Each structure stands twice: as structure tokens, then as C-alpha cells.
N, C-alpha and C. Protein backbone atom coordinates (compact mmCIF):
# COMPACT_ATOMS: atom_id res chain seq x y z
N MET A 1 90.50 119.32 50.79
CA MET A 1 89.49 119.88 51.66
C MET A 1 88.21 120.11 50.85
N ILE A 2 87.11 119.81 51.47
CA ILE A 2 85.80 120.03 50.87
C ILE A 2 85.01 120.92 51.81
N VAL A 3 84.43 121.98 51.27
CA VAL A 3 83.57 122.87 52.05
C VAL A 3 82.22 122.91 51.36
N ARG A 4 81.17 122.65 52.11
CA ARG A 4 79.81 122.70 51.57
C ARG A 4 78.98 123.65 52.42
N SER A 5 78.28 124.56 51.78
CA SER A 5 77.36 125.44 52.48
C SER A 5 76.12 124.63 52.87
N PHE A 6 75.57 124.91 54.04
CA PHE A 6 74.36 124.23 54.49
C PHE A 6 73.25 124.35 53.45
N ASP A 7 73.13 125.52 52.84
CA ASP A 7 72.07 125.75 51.84
C ASP A 7 72.27 124.92 50.57
N GLU A 8 73.49 124.45 50.31
CA GLU A 8 73.76 123.62 49.14
C GLU A 8 73.34 122.17 49.36
N VAL A 9 73.15 121.78 50.61
CA VAL A 9 72.84 120.38 50.93
C VAL A 9 71.33 120.19 50.85
N LYS A 10 70.92 119.29 49.98
CA LYS A 10 69.50 119.07 49.72
C LYS A 10 68.77 118.56 50.96
N GLU A 11 67.64 119.19 51.25
CA GLU A 11 66.77 118.74 52.33
C GLU A 11 65.80 117.71 51.75
N ILE A 12 65.78 116.53 52.36
CA ILE A 12 64.99 115.42 51.84
C ILE A 12 63.94 115.02 52.87
N PRO A 13 62.67 114.98 52.49
CA PRO A 13 61.66 114.48 53.44
C PRO A 13 61.90 113.00 53.73
N VAL A 14 61.79 112.63 55.00
CA VAL A 14 61.86 111.22 55.39
C VAL A 14 60.42 110.74 55.43
N SER A 15 60.02 109.94 54.46
CA SER A 15 58.63 109.51 54.39
C SER A 15 58.43 108.09 54.91
N GLN A 16 59.52 107.30 54.92
CA GLN A 16 59.41 105.93 55.41
C GLN A 16 60.70 105.51 56.08
N LEU A 17 60.56 104.57 57.01
CA LEU A 17 61.70 103.99 57.68
C LEU A 17 61.56 102.48 57.53
N GLU A 18 62.60 101.83 57.04
CA GLU A 18 62.58 100.38 56.87
C GLU A 18 63.14 99.74 58.14
N TYR A 19 62.34 98.82 58.72
CA TYR A 19 62.82 98.14 59.92
C TYR A 19 62.18 96.77 60.02
N LYS A 20 63.03 95.76 60.20
CA LYS A 20 62.60 94.36 60.33
C LYS A 20 61.69 93.95 59.18
N GLY A 21 62.05 94.36 57.97
CA GLY A 21 61.30 93.98 56.78
C GLY A 21 60.01 94.74 56.57
N GLU A 22 59.73 95.69 57.42
CA GLU A 22 58.51 96.49 57.28
C GLU A 22 58.86 97.92 56.92
N SER A 23 57.96 98.55 56.19
CA SER A 23 58.10 99.95 55.84
C SER A 23 57.12 100.75 56.70
N ILE A 24 57.66 101.65 57.52
CA ILE A 24 56.85 102.43 58.46
C ILE A 24 56.77 103.86 57.96
N ASP A 25 55.55 104.40 57.86
CA ASP A 25 55.37 105.78 57.41
C ASP A 25 55.88 106.76 58.45
N VAL A 26 56.49 107.83 57.96
CA VAL A 26 57.02 108.91 58.80
C VAL A 26 56.54 110.22 58.20
N ASP A 27 56.07 111.15 59.03
CA ASP A 27 55.63 112.47 58.58
C ASP A 27 56.34 113.55 59.39
N GLY A 28 56.64 114.68 58.75
CA GLY A 28 57.18 115.83 59.44
C GLY A 28 58.65 115.77 59.78
N VAL A 29 59.40 114.87 59.13
CA VAL A 29 60.83 114.72 59.40
C VAL A 29 61.61 114.94 58.10
N THR A 30 62.70 115.70 58.19
CA THR A 30 63.58 115.88 57.03
C THR A 30 65.02 115.53 57.41
N ILE A 31 65.81 115.25 56.39
CA ILE A 31 67.23 114.92 56.58
C ILE A 31 68.06 115.67 55.55
N ARG A 32 69.23 116.12 55.96
CA ARG A 32 70.26 116.63 55.05
C ARG A 32 71.52 115.84 55.35
N TRP A 33 72.08 115.20 54.33
CA TRP A 33 73.33 114.43 54.48
C TRP A 33 74.49 115.40 54.35
N LEU A 34 75.01 115.88 55.47
CA LEU A 34 76.10 116.86 55.45
C LEU A 34 77.40 116.24 54.93
N THR A 35 77.69 115.02 55.37
CA THR A 35 78.81 114.26 54.81
C THR A 35 78.30 112.85 54.53
N HIS A 36 78.87 112.23 53.51
CA HIS A 36 78.50 110.85 53.19
C HIS A 36 79.52 110.25 52.22
N LYS A 37 79.36 108.98 51.94
CA LYS A 37 80.32 108.20 51.16
C LYS A 37 80.56 108.75 49.74
N ALA A 38 79.56 109.38 49.14
CA ALA A 38 79.69 109.85 47.76
C ALA A 38 80.41 111.19 47.64
N ILE A 39 80.76 111.79 48.75
CA ILE A 39 81.48 113.07 48.71
C ILE A 39 82.98 112.80 48.69
N GLY A 40 83.66 113.44 47.77
CA GLY A 40 85.11 113.28 47.69
C GLY A 40 85.51 112.04 46.90
N ASP A 41 86.78 111.73 46.95
CA ASP A 41 87.32 110.59 46.22
C ASP A 41 87.82 109.53 47.19
N GLU A 42 88.61 108.60 46.69
CA GLU A 42 89.08 107.49 47.53
C GLU A 42 90.01 107.94 48.66
N SER A 43 90.49 109.18 48.60
CA SER A 43 91.34 109.66 49.69
C SER A 43 90.54 109.95 50.97
N TYR A 44 89.21 110.02 50.84
CA TYR A 44 88.34 110.20 52.00
C TYR A 44 87.90 108.82 52.44
N LEU A 45 88.22 108.44 53.65
CA LEU A 45 87.98 107.08 54.12
C LEU A 45 86.51 106.77 54.41
N HIS A 46 85.71 107.79 54.67
CA HIS A 46 84.28 107.62 54.93
C HIS A 46 84.00 106.60 56.01
N ASN A 47 84.58 106.82 57.16
CA ASN A 47 84.31 105.97 58.31
C ASN A 47 83.08 106.44 59.08
N PHE A 48 82.53 107.59 58.68
CA PHE A 48 81.34 108.12 59.33
C PHE A 48 80.57 109.00 58.35
N ALA A 49 79.32 109.25 58.69
CA ALA A 49 78.49 110.21 57.95
C ALA A 49 77.83 111.12 58.98
N VAL A 50 77.60 112.37 58.60
CA VAL A 50 76.95 113.34 59.48
C VAL A 50 75.67 113.79 58.79
N ARG A 51 74.57 113.73 59.55
CA ARG A 51 73.27 114.08 59.00
C ARG A 51 72.59 115.11 59.89
N TYR A 52 71.82 116.01 59.27
CA TYR A 52 71.07 117.03 59.99
C TYR A 52 69.58 116.71 59.82
N PHE A 53 68.88 116.53 60.93
CA PHE A 53 67.45 116.21 60.90
C PHE A 53 66.63 117.36 61.46
N THR A 54 65.42 117.54 60.92
CA THR A 54 64.42 118.40 61.54
C THR A 54 63.17 117.56 61.78
N MET A 55 62.45 117.95 62.82
CA MET A 55 61.20 117.28 63.17
C MET A 55 60.15 118.33 63.47
N ALA A 56 59.02 118.27 62.76
CA ALA A 56 57.91 119.18 63.03
C ALA A 56 57.31 118.85 64.40
N PRO A 57 56.62 119.81 65.02
CA PRO A 57 55.98 119.52 66.30
C PRO A 57 55.07 118.29 66.18
N GLY A 58 55.19 117.38 67.15
CA GLY A 58 54.36 116.18 67.16
C GLY A 58 54.84 115.05 66.27
N SER A 59 55.86 115.29 65.47
CA SER A 59 56.34 114.23 64.57
C SER A 59 57.16 113.21 65.33
N GLU A 60 57.30 112.03 64.72
CA GLU A 60 57.98 110.93 65.39
C GLU A 60 58.85 110.15 64.41
N ILE A 61 60.01 109.77 64.86
CA ILE A 61 60.82 108.77 64.18
C ILE A 61 60.55 107.49 64.97
N PRO A 62 59.79 106.56 64.38
CA PRO A 62 59.31 105.40 65.15
C PRO A 62 60.42 104.46 65.60
N ILE A 63 60.05 103.56 66.49
CA ILE A 63 60.99 102.60 67.05
C ILE A 63 61.69 101.83 65.94
N HIS A 64 63.01 101.74 66.06
CA HIS A 64 63.84 101.05 65.06
C HIS A 64 65.20 100.77 65.68
N GLY A 65 66.00 100.01 65.01
CA GLY A 65 67.37 99.73 65.41
C GLY A 65 68.18 99.47 64.15
N HIS A 66 69.49 99.48 64.29
CA HIS A 66 70.37 99.29 63.14
C HIS A 66 71.74 98.85 63.59
N LYS A 67 72.50 98.32 62.65
CA LYS A 67 73.85 97.82 62.96
C LYS A 67 74.79 98.95 63.37
N TYR A 68 74.66 100.10 62.71
CA TYR A 68 75.60 101.18 62.99
C TYR A 68 75.29 101.86 64.32
N VAL A 69 76.34 102.38 64.95
CA VAL A 69 76.17 103.20 66.15
C VAL A 69 75.93 104.63 65.71
N GLU A 70 75.33 105.40 66.59
CA GLU A 70 75.11 106.80 66.25
C GLU A 70 75.21 107.67 67.49
N ALA A 71 75.62 108.89 67.25
CA ALA A 71 75.62 109.92 68.29
C ALA A 71 74.70 111.02 67.79
N VAL A 72 73.78 111.43 68.65
CA VAL A 72 72.79 112.44 68.30
C VAL A 72 73.02 113.65 69.19
N PHE A 73 73.20 114.82 68.58
CA PHE A 73 73.41 116.07 69.31
C PHE A 73 72.22 116.98 69.05
N ILE A 74 71.46 117.29 70.08
CA ILE A 74 70.25 118.09 69.94
C ILE A 74 70.62 119.57 69.76
N LEU A 75 70.08 120.17 68.71
CA LEU A 75 70.33 121.59 68.43
C LEU A 75 69.20 122.49 68.93
N LYS A 76 67.96 122.05 68.70
CA LYS A 76 66.82 122.85 69.16
C LYS A 76 65.61 121.95 69.37
N GLY A 77 64.72 122.39 70.28
CA GLY A 77 63.49 121.67 70.55
C GLY A 77 63.60 120.72 71.72
N ASP A 78 62.45 120.16 72.06
CA ASP A 78 62.35 119.16 73.12
C ASP A 78 61.95 117.84 72.49
N ILE A 79 62.78 116.84 72.69
CA ILE A 79 62.56 115.54 72.07
C ILE A 79 62.46 114.48 73.14
N LEU A 80 61.43 113.64 73.04
CA LEU A 80 61.32 112.48 73.91
C LEU A 80 62.07 111.34 73.23
N PHE A 81 63.10 110.85 73.91
CA PHE A 81 63.90 109.75 73.38
C PHE A 81 63.50 108.49 74.11
N LYS A 82 63.13 107.46 73.33
CA LYS A 82 62.71 106.18 73.89
C LYS A 82 63.73 105.12 73.52
N SER A 83 64.15 104.33 74.51
CA SER A 83 65.13 103.29 74.25
C SER A 83 65.14 102.29 75.39
N GLY A 84 65.14 101.01 75.06
CA GLY A 84 65.27 99.98 76.07
C GLY A 84 64.23 100.04 77.17
N GLY A 85 63.00 100.43 76.82
CA GLY A 85 61.94 100.52 77.81
C GLY A 85 61.98 101.78 78.65
N GLU A 86 62.94 102.65 78.40
CA GLU A 86 63.05 103.91 79.14
C GLU A 86 62.70 105.08 78.22
N GLU A 87 62.29 106.19 78.84
CA GLU A 87 62.02 107.43 78.12
C GLU A 87 62.74 108.57 78.82
N LYS A 88 63.31 109.48 78.02
CA LYS A 88 64.00 110.63 78.60
C LYS A 88 63.78 111.83 77.68
N THR A 89 63.43 112.97 78.25
CA THR A 89 63.32 114.19 77.46
C THR A 89 64.71 114.78 77.29
N VAL A 90 65.08 115.04 76.04
CA VAL A 90 66.37 115.65 75.76
C VAL A 90 66.14 117.03 75.16
N LYS A 91 67.07 117.92 75.46
CA LYS A 91 66.95 119.33 75.08
C LYS A 91 68.23 119.77 74.38
N PRO A 92 68.24 121.00 73.85
CA PRO A 92 69.44 121.48 73.16
C PRO A 92 70.71 121.29 73.98
N TYR A 93 71.73 120.85 73.29
CA TYR A 93 73.08 120.59 73.78
C TYR A 93 73.22 119.25 74.49
N ASP A 94 72.13 118.48 74.58
CA ASP A 94 72.23 117.11 75.09
C ASP A 94 72.75 116.22 73.96
N THR A 95 73.48 115.17 74.33
CA THR A 95 74.00 114.20 73.38
C THR A 95 73.50 112.81 73.76
N ILE A 96 73.06 112.08 72.78
CA ILE A 96 72.57 110.71 72.97
C ILE A 96 73.52 109.79 72.22
N TYR A 97 73.95 108.72 72.85
CA TYR A 97 74.76 107.71 72.19
C TYR A 97 73.91 106.44 72.08
N VAL A 98 73.79 105.91 70.88
CA VAL A 98 72.97 104.72 70.64
C VAL A 98 73.87 103.61 70.09
N PRO A 99 74.04 102.51 70.86
CA PRO A 99 74.88 101.42 70.36
C PRO A 99 74.18 100.59 69.29
N SER A 100 74.92 99.74 68.64
CA SER A 100 74.39 98.87 67.59
C SER A 100 73.18 98.09 68.09
N PHE A 101 72.17 98.02 67.24
CA PHE A 101 70.97 97.20 67.43
C PHE A 101 70.07 97.62 68.59
N GLU A 102 70.37 98.69 69.29
CA GLU A 102 69.48 99.15 70.35
C GLU A 102 68.26 99.82 69.72
N GLU A 103 67.08 99.30 70.02
CA GLU A 103 65.86 99.90 69.49
C GLU A 103 65.62 101.24 70.16
N HIS A 104 65.23 102.23 69.35
CA HIS A 104 65.02 103.56 69.87
C HIS A 104 64.04 104.33 69.00
N ALA A 105 63.47 105.39 69.54
CA ALA A 105 62.54 106.26 68.83
C ALA A 105 62.71 107.68 69.35
N LEU A 106 62.31 108.65 68.52
CA LEU A 106 62.38 110.06 68.90
C LEU A 106 61.04 110.71 68.58
N VAL A 107 60.53 111.52 69.51
CA VAL A 107 59.27 112.23 69.31
C VAL A 107 59.48 113.70 69.66
N ASN A 108 59.09 114.59 68.75
CA ASN A 108 59.16 116.02 69.06
C ASN A 108 57.96 116.36 69.93
N ILE A 109 58.21 116.61 71.21
CA ILE A 109 57.12 116.89 72.15
C ILE A 109 56.92 118.39 72.37
N GLY A 110 57.68 119.22 71.65
CA GLY A 110 57.56 120.66 71.81
C GLY A 110 56.58 121.27 70.82
N ASP A 111 56.40 122.59 70.95
CA ASP A 111 55.49 123.33 70.07
C ASP A 111 56.21 123.93 68.87
N THR A 112 57.53 123.72 68.79
CA THR A 112 58.31 124.28 67.69
C THR A 112 59.12 123.16 67.03
N GLU A 113 59.69 123.48 65.89
CA GLU A 113 60.53 122.51 65.19
C GLU A 113 61.71 122.10 66.06
N ALA A 114 62.05 120.83 66.02
CA ALA A 114 63.25 120.31 66.68
C ALA A 114 64.28 120.01 65.60
N ALA A 115 65.55 120.08 65.96
CA ALA A 115 66.62 119.77 65.01
C ALA A 115 67.76 119.10 65.77
N PHE A 116 68.43 118.19 65.07
CA PHE A 116 69.57 117.52 65.67
C PHE A 116 70.55 117.07 64.59
N ILE A 117 71.80 116.92 65.02
CA ILE A 117 72.86 116.36 64.19
C ILE A 117 73.01 114.90 64.60
N CYS A 118 73.14 114.03 63.62
CA CYS A 118 73.29 112.60 63.88
C CYS A 118 74.53 112.11 63.13
N CYS A 119 75.50 111.61 63.87
CA CYS A 119 76.72 111.07 63.28
C CYS A 119 76.67 109.55 63.40
N ILE A 120 76.85 108.86 62.27
CA ILE A 120 76.81 107.40 62.25
C ILE A 120 78.11 106.84 61.71
N ASP A 121 78.43 105.61 62.13
CA ASP A 121 79.62 104.97 61.58
C ASP A 121 79.22 104.19 60.32
N CYS A 122 80.13 104.17 59.35
CA CYS A 122 79.92 103.42 58.11
C CYS A 122 80.42 102.01 58.34
N HIS A 123 79.70 101.03 57.86
CA HIS A 123 80.11 99.65 58.07
C HIS A 123 79.95 98.85 56.78
N GLY A 124 80.63 97.70 56.71
CA GLY A 124 80.52 96.81 55.55
C GLY A 124 80.80 97.53 54.25
N ASP A 125 79.85 97.47 53.33
CA ASP A 125 80.01 98.16 52.04
C ASP A 125 79.75 99.65 52.15
N LYS A 126 79.44 100.11 53.35
CA LYS A 126 79.20 101.51 53.67
C LYS A 126 77.95 102.09 53.01
N ALA A 127 77.04 101.20 52.57
CA ALA A 127 75.80 101.66 51.96
C ALA A 127 74.95 102.48 52.94
N ASN A 128 75.12 102.23 54.24
CA ASN A 128 74.37 103.01 55.22
C ASN A 128 74.83 104.47 55.25
N CYS A 129 75.93 104.77 54.58
CA CYS A 129 76.46 106.14 54.55
C CYS A 129 76.23 106.81 53.20
N LEU A 130 75.17 106.38 52.51
CA LEU A 130 74.78 106.99 51.24
C LEU A 130 73.33 107.45 51.30
N PRO A 131 73.04 108.69 50.89
CA PRO A 131 71.65 109.15 50.87
C PRO A 131 70.82 108.28 49.93
N GLY A 132 69.58 108.03 50.34
CA GLY A 132 68.62 107.37 49.46
C GLY A 132 68.72 105.87 49.36
N LYS A 133 69.65 105.26 50.05
CA LYS A 133 69.76 103.79 50.00
C LYS A 133 68.72 103.17 50.91
N LYS A 134 68.40 101.92 50.67
CA LYS A 134 67.39 101.20 51.48
C LYS A 134 68.01 100.78 52.80
N THR A 135 68.30 101.76 53.63
CA THR A 135 68.79 101.51 54.98
C THR A 135 67.93 102.32 55.92
N ASN A 136 68.03 102.07 57.18
CA ASN A 136 67.30 102.90 58.13
C ASN A 136 67.70 104.34 57.93
N LYS A 137 66.74 105.22 58.00
CA LYS A 137 66.98 106.64 57.75
C LYS A 137 67.37 107.39 59.01
N CYS A 138 67.49 106.69 60.07
CA CYS A 138 67.84 107.35 61.31
C CYS A 138 68.66 106.47 62.21
């Protein structure tokens, strides 16, 4: 068993998102990797990673897509979720499921910080489940 205090998990600014060979600037977004491939030993299968994001008012995680699927659980704030030509405002306790390769974006449309938990599946060499690797950050 591994127990980690939230305060022990490093908060990392998300400054760029890599998508389709381009590097897109991101401001006002942070990530904490609550679970990931480097935690524990080989007895932990690492089939998923859990990440905690914050978004400052007006900040955006720009349109992107990725091989891994993700489930996003909104903790606080009002977020405009864009996907497949549609837009939907999501609020605390809403859950978003994003399948592989579906392009999507998130915008904090509220006046306060937004936060959400994002669970992703690890695939291939599982590099997408390691902090700081050149993979999409969201």
C-alpha cells in the first residue's frame, strides 16, 4: 500500500501542450500527478494514472486529442468543455468521458479557480503515465 498526502505531490505549471507536432502555450493551469508509473514497484500494474488539475479564471487547455481515454471529474468551478463541434458547461460533480483521439478543450469560464481530477489509461510503453514526458498534458 502506498499513501501520499496531497501536499506531498508536486504542483507543476502546465506551460505547453504538444499536439500534432506543435507546441501550444498554456497559462494558468497546473497539474499534480497523484498516481503514475514511477510510483511503486513492478507489483503495481500502472494501468491508469490520476491527475489533479487547477485552472485560473479565464485559462484554457486548448484543443487537443490523444490515444489514451480519460475520465474528468469536476471538483470546483464552471468549465466550458468543447468536443466534436459541441460545447457544454460542466460544473462540480459532473463527469466527462473522452474516448481515444477525440479532440477536446476546456475553458474556465467562472470567476474563481476551477479544479478537476483526470484519470487516464496507460498504453504502450506507458510513457503517457509519467510526469514530465513529451506527451499531451491533458
